Amino acid sequence: MVEALGGSDSEHYSRFISYCCESFNIFRKSAHLILNLLRLMIDANIPDLSSQPERALRRVEQNFRLDLTDEEAIQYFQNLIADSVSALAPQIAETFHRVAMYWRS
């Protein structure tokens, strides 16, 4: 994805990061509504919700990081993206994809 956006120093990638962080803070502002909607869905036979509903709801709430200010949440989310970009598994998957595409052509 980073390469498709022009690399980590590109304007497109910077805009992507900005949109992600802005979206995260918008979702955080609606966290209580989202959690209430999930509570209403507990009886909908959704495996991750119906098997251990309180645990699932607590995990979703933790992921919103409501303990952080908006600025801290931006930094937190930027770190999540950076960790994701530098993770080994996606890099290996990308390498396999490139090799497969090479052999297809």
Protein backbone atom coordinates (compact mmCIF):
# COMPACT_ATOMS: atom_id res chain seq x y z
CA MET A 1 0.00 0.00 0.00
CA VAL A 2 2.82 2.38 0.84
CA GLU A 3 4.39 1.81 -2.56
CA ALA A 4 1.03 2.26 -4.30
CA LEU A 5 0.73 5.66 -2.61
CA GLY A 6 4.17 6.70 -3.88
CA GLY A 7 6.35 5.66 -0.96
CA SER A 8 6.59 6.78 2.63
CA ASP A 9 7.82 10.26 1.70
CA SER A 10 5.07 10.99 -0.80
CA GLU A 11 2.28 13.53 -0.45
CA HIS A 12 -0.31 10.81 -1.08
CA TYR A 13 1.02 8.69 1.79
CA SER A 14 1.06 11.71 4.11
CA ARG A 15 -2.53 12.48 3.17
CA PHE A 16 -3.47 8.83 3.77
CA ILE A 17 -1.94 8.97 7.27
CA SER A 18 -3.75 12.23 7.95
CA TYR A 19 -7.10 10.78 6.85
CA CYS A 20 -6.56 7.65 8.97
CA CYS A 21 -5.80 9.68 12.09
CA GLU A 22 -8.72 12.04 11.48
CA SER A 23 -11.05 9.06 11.00
CA PHE A 24 -9.77 7.41 14.18
CA ASN A 25 -10.58 10.52 16.20
CA ILE A 26 -14.03 10.77 14.61
CA PHE A 27 -14.74 7.14 15.55
CA ARG A 28 -13.44 7.81 19.07
CA LYS A 29 -15.93 10.66 19.46
CA SER A 30 -18.70 8.20 18.57
CA ALA A 31 -17.33 5.33 20.67
CA HIS A 32 -20.26 5.20 23.08
CA LEU A 33 -22.76 5.07 20.23
CA ILE A 34 -20.76 2.34 18.48
CA LEU A 35 -20.51 0.33 21.70
CA ASN A 36 -24.26 0.67 22.30
CA LEU A 37 -24.96 -0.53 18.75
CA LEU A 38 -22.69 -3.52 19.35
CA ARG A 39 -24.55 -4.26 22.59
CA LEU A 40 -27.79 -4.36 20.62
CA MET A 41 -26.19 -6.87 18.25
CA ILE A 42 -25.16 -9.35 20.96
CA ASP A 43 -28.15 -11.62 20.23
CA ALA A 44 -27.57 -11.50 16.47
CA ASN A 45 -25.47 -14.71 16.52
CA ILE A 46 -22.28 -12.94 15.47
CA PRO A 47 -19.62 -15.35 16.74
CA ASP A 48 -17.19 -12.78 18.17
CA LEU A 49 -20.00 -10.96 19.97
CA SER A 50 -22.25 -13.76 21.12
CA SER A 51 -19.63 -16.09 22.60
CA GLN A 52 -18.07 -13.60 25.05
CA PRO A 53 -19.97 -10.32 24.64
CA GLU A 54 -18.50 -8.38 27.56
CA ARG A 55 -14.97 -9.33 26.61
CA ALA A 56 -15.56 -8.31 22.99
CA LEU A 57 -17.11 -4.99 23.97
CA ARG A 58 -14.30 -4.27 26.42
CA ARG A 59 -11.72 -4.99 23.69
CA VAL A 60 -13.46 -2.64 21.24
CA GLU A 61 -13.57 0.05 23.90
CA GLN A 62 -9.88 -0.44 24.67
CA ASN A 63 -9.03 -0.12 20.98
CA PHE A 64 -10.68 3.30 20.88
CA ARG A 65 -8.09 4.48 23.44
CA LEU A 66 -10.53 6.86 25.11
CA ASP A 67 -7.88 7.61 27.72
CA LEU A 68 -5.90 9.66 25.17
CA THR A 69 -6.36 13.22 23.99
CA ASP A 70 -6.93 13.75 20.27
CA GLU A 71 -3.26 14.66 19.80
CA GLU A 72 -2.10 11.60 21.73
CA ALA A 73 -4.50 9.44 19.71
CA ILE A 74 -2.99 10.76 16.48
CA GLN A 75 0.49 9.82 17.69
CA TYR A 76 -0.77 6.41 18.84
CA PHE A 77 -2.40 5.70 15.48
CA GLN A 78 0.64 6.89 13.54
CA ASN A 79 2.72 4.45 15.59
CA LEU A 80 0.26 1.64 14.78
CA ILE A 81 0.59 2.38 11.08
CA ALA A 82 4.39 2.56 11.30
CA ASP A 83 4.50 -0.76 13.15
CA SER A 84 2.22 -2.29 10.52
CA VAL A 85 4.38 -1.02 7.66
CA SER A 86 7.55 -2.40 9.22
CA ALA A 87 6.02 -5.75 10.26
CA LEU A 88 7.69 -8.81 8.78
CA ALA A 89 4.62 -10.80 7.69
CA PRO A 90 3.28 -8.16 5.25
CA GLN A 91 6.77 -7.74 3.77
CA ILE A 92 7.03 -11.48 3.19
CA ALA A 93 3.55 -11.57 1.65
CA GLU A 94 4.48 -8.68 -0.65
CA THR A 95 7.64 -10.49 -1.73
CA PHE A 96 5.67 -13.64 -2.55
CA HIS A 97 3.16 -11.53 -4.46
CA ARG A 98 5.92 -9.90 -6.52
CA VAL A 99 7.48 -13.27 -7.30
CA ALA A 100 4.10 -14.68 -8.33
CA MET A 101 3.43 -11.67 -10.56
CA TYR A 102 6.89 -12.06 -12.12
CA TRP A 103 6.23 -15.70 -12.99
CA ARG A 104 2.77 -14.93 -14.36
CA SER A 105 4.08 -12.49 -16.95
